[in-house]
Amino acid sequence: MRSYTIFFLLGLLVPLVVSTGRHTTGALTGAWSPIEDLKDPHVKEIAEYAVSKYNKQSKSDLKLSSVVKGESQVVAGTNYKLVLAVKNGPAKKYEAIVWEKPWQHFRNLTSFKAV
């Protein structure tokens, strides 16, 4: 009887844990999933953060034009891989990866490179 209770609880908890990533299409932890709504305010906020952080680190003055493409990955938080169209730079598009843990109010620009 005890093992049935454990399997019942796991059956309830596993879908809950897997579905906690924002802007994913229900993929399992670790897999990249396309972001369906690139105009979502949170996606734009992540993109603005990436450009701002890159500008501070490289003493650049890039301006975000739009989010061209995006994927998210559930990890210990969420990774966002965004292709960004920008102004004022030698390249017109950049790929930015931002790691976010919203419950800790944490963001980190992991990568920012021309594509």
Protein backbone atom coordinates (compact mmCIF):
# COMPACT_ATOMS: atom_id res chain seq x y z
CA MET A 1 0.00 0.00 0.00
CA ARG A 2 2.86 2.38 0.78
CA SER A 3 4.35 2.06 -2.74
CA TYR A 4 1.00 2.98 -4.31
CA THR A 5 0.93 6.17 -2.25
CA ILE A 6 4.44 7.10 -3.37
CA PHE A 7 3.61 6.50 -7.04
CA PHE A 8 0.39 8.50 -6.67
CA LEU A 9 2.29 11.46 -5.19
CA LEU A 10 4.97 11.25 -7.87
CA GLY A 11 2.25 11.22 -10.50
CA LEU A 12 0.96 14.50 -9.08
CA LEU A 13 4.31 16.21 -8.51
CA VAL A 14 6.30 15.36 -11.66
CA PRO A 15 3.97 17.20 -14.11
CA LEU A 16 3.93 20.17 -11.76
CA VAL A 17 7.73 20.36 -11.59
CA VAL A 18 8.18 19.93 -15.36
CA SER A 19 5.67 22.66 -16.21
CA THR A 20 7.15 25.42 -14.02
CA GLY A 21 9.30 27.00 -16.79
CA ARG A 22 7.90 30.21 -18.29
CA HIS A 23 7.44 30.51 -22.06
CA THR A 24 8.07 26.84 -22.78
CA THR A 25 5.92 24.46 -24.74
CA GLY A 26 5.91 21.79 -22.06
CA ALA A 27 9.27 20.24 -22.90
CA LEU A 28 11.24 18.31 -20.34
CA THR A 29 13.90 19.90 -18.20
CA GLY A 30 17.09 20.57 -20.19
CA ALA A 31 15.53 20.65 -23.67
CA TRP A 32 15.35 23.90 -25.64
CA SER A 33 11.80 24.88 -26.64
CA PRO A 34 10.73 27.66 -29.00
CA ILE A 35 9.20 30.75 -27.43
CA GLU A 36 5.82 31.12 -29.06
CA ASP A 37 5.12 34.78 -28.22
CA LEU A 38 8.21 36.88 -28.97
CA LYS A 39 6.25 40.05 -28.13
CA ASP A 40 5.55 38.85 -24.58
CA PRO A 41 6.55 41.66 -22.18
CA HIS A 42 8.74 39.29 -20.15
CA VAL A 43 10.66 38.21 -23.28
CA LYS A 44 11.20 41.88 -24.18
CA GLU A 45 12.38 42.55 -20.62
CA ILE A 46 14.93 39.73 -20.90
CA ALA A 47 16.10 41.10 -24.28
CA GLU A 48 16.46 44.64 -22.90
CA TYR A 49 18.41 43.25 -19.95
CA ALA A 50 20.78 41.40 -22.30
CA VAL A 51 21.48 44.49 -24.44
CA SER A 52 21.90 46.72 -21.39
CA LYS A 53 24.28 44.30 -19.67
CA TYR A 54 26.30 43.84 -22.89
CA ASN A 55 26.52 47.62 -23.35
CA LYS A 56 27.89 48.02 -19.82
CA GLN A 57 30.43 45.21 -20.22
CA SER A 58 31.69 46.27 -23.66
CA LYS A 59 31.11 50.03 -23.42
CA SER A 60 28.86 49.81 -26.49
CA ASP A 61 25.68 51.66 -27.33
CA LEU A 62 23.48 49.02 -28.97
CA LYS A 63 19.73 49.65 -29.14
CA LEU A 64 17.26 46.78 -29.24
CA SER A 65 15.05 46.81 -32.34
CA SER A 66 13.23 43.50 -31.91
CA VAL A 67 13.42 39.89 -30.80
CA VAL A 68 13.77 37.85 -34.00
CA LYS A 69 13.78 34.35 -32.53
CA GLY A 70 13.74 32.81 -29.09
CA GLU A 71 14.06 29.56 -27.20
CA SER A 72 13.90 28.71 -23.52
CA GLN A 73 15.41 25.90 -21.48
CA VAL A 74 14.32 24.82 -18.01
CA VAL A 75 17.37 24.37 -15.77
CA ALA A 76 17.83 25.61 -12.20
CA GLY A 77 15.70 28.49 -13.41
CA THR A 78 15.29 29.28 -17.10
CA ASN A 79 17.80 29.97 -19.86
CA TYR A 80 16.59 32.25 -22.63
CA LYS A 81 18.38 32.08 -25.99
CA LEU A 82 17.28 35.09 -28.03
CA VAL A 83 18.27 36.36 -31.47
CA LEU A 84 18.08 40.14 -31.27
CA ALA A 85 17.96 42.73 -34.03
CA VAL A 86 19.88 45.82 -32.91
CA LYS A 87 20.87 49.31 -34.08
CA ASN A 88 24.19 51.13 -33.65
CA GLY A 89 26.44 48.11 -33.93
CA PRO A 90 28.74 46.55 -36.51
CA ALA A 91 26.51 43.46 -36.64
CA LYS A 92 22.76 43.73 -37.03
CA LYS A 93 21.86 40.54 -35.13
CA TYR A 94 23.16 39.07 -31.92
CA GLU A 95 22.42 35.89 -30.00
CA ALA A 96 22.04 36.46 -26.27
CA ILE A 97 21.68 33.81 -23.58
CA VAL A 98 20.27 34.94 -20.25
CA TRP A 99 19.88 32.74 -17.19
CA GLU A 100 17.03 33.75 -14.91
CA LYS A 101 15.86 32.57 -11.49
CA PRO A 102 12.83 34.82 -10.85
CA TRP A 103 12.17 33.53 -7.33
CA GLN A 104 15.63 34.86 -6.37
CA HIS A 105 15.37 38.03 -8.52
CA PHE A 106 18.49 36.77 -10.35
CA ARG A 107 19.55 37.28 -13.97
CA ASN A 108 22.87 36.66 -15.65
CA LEU A 109 24.01 37.37 -19.20
CA THR A 110 25.77 34.12 -20.11
CA SER A 111 26.60 34.86 -23.74
CA PHE A 112 26.24 37.69 -26.25
CA LYS A 113 27.67 37.24 -29.75
CA ALA A 114 27.11 38.40 -33.30
CA VAL A 115 25.31 35.98 -35.61
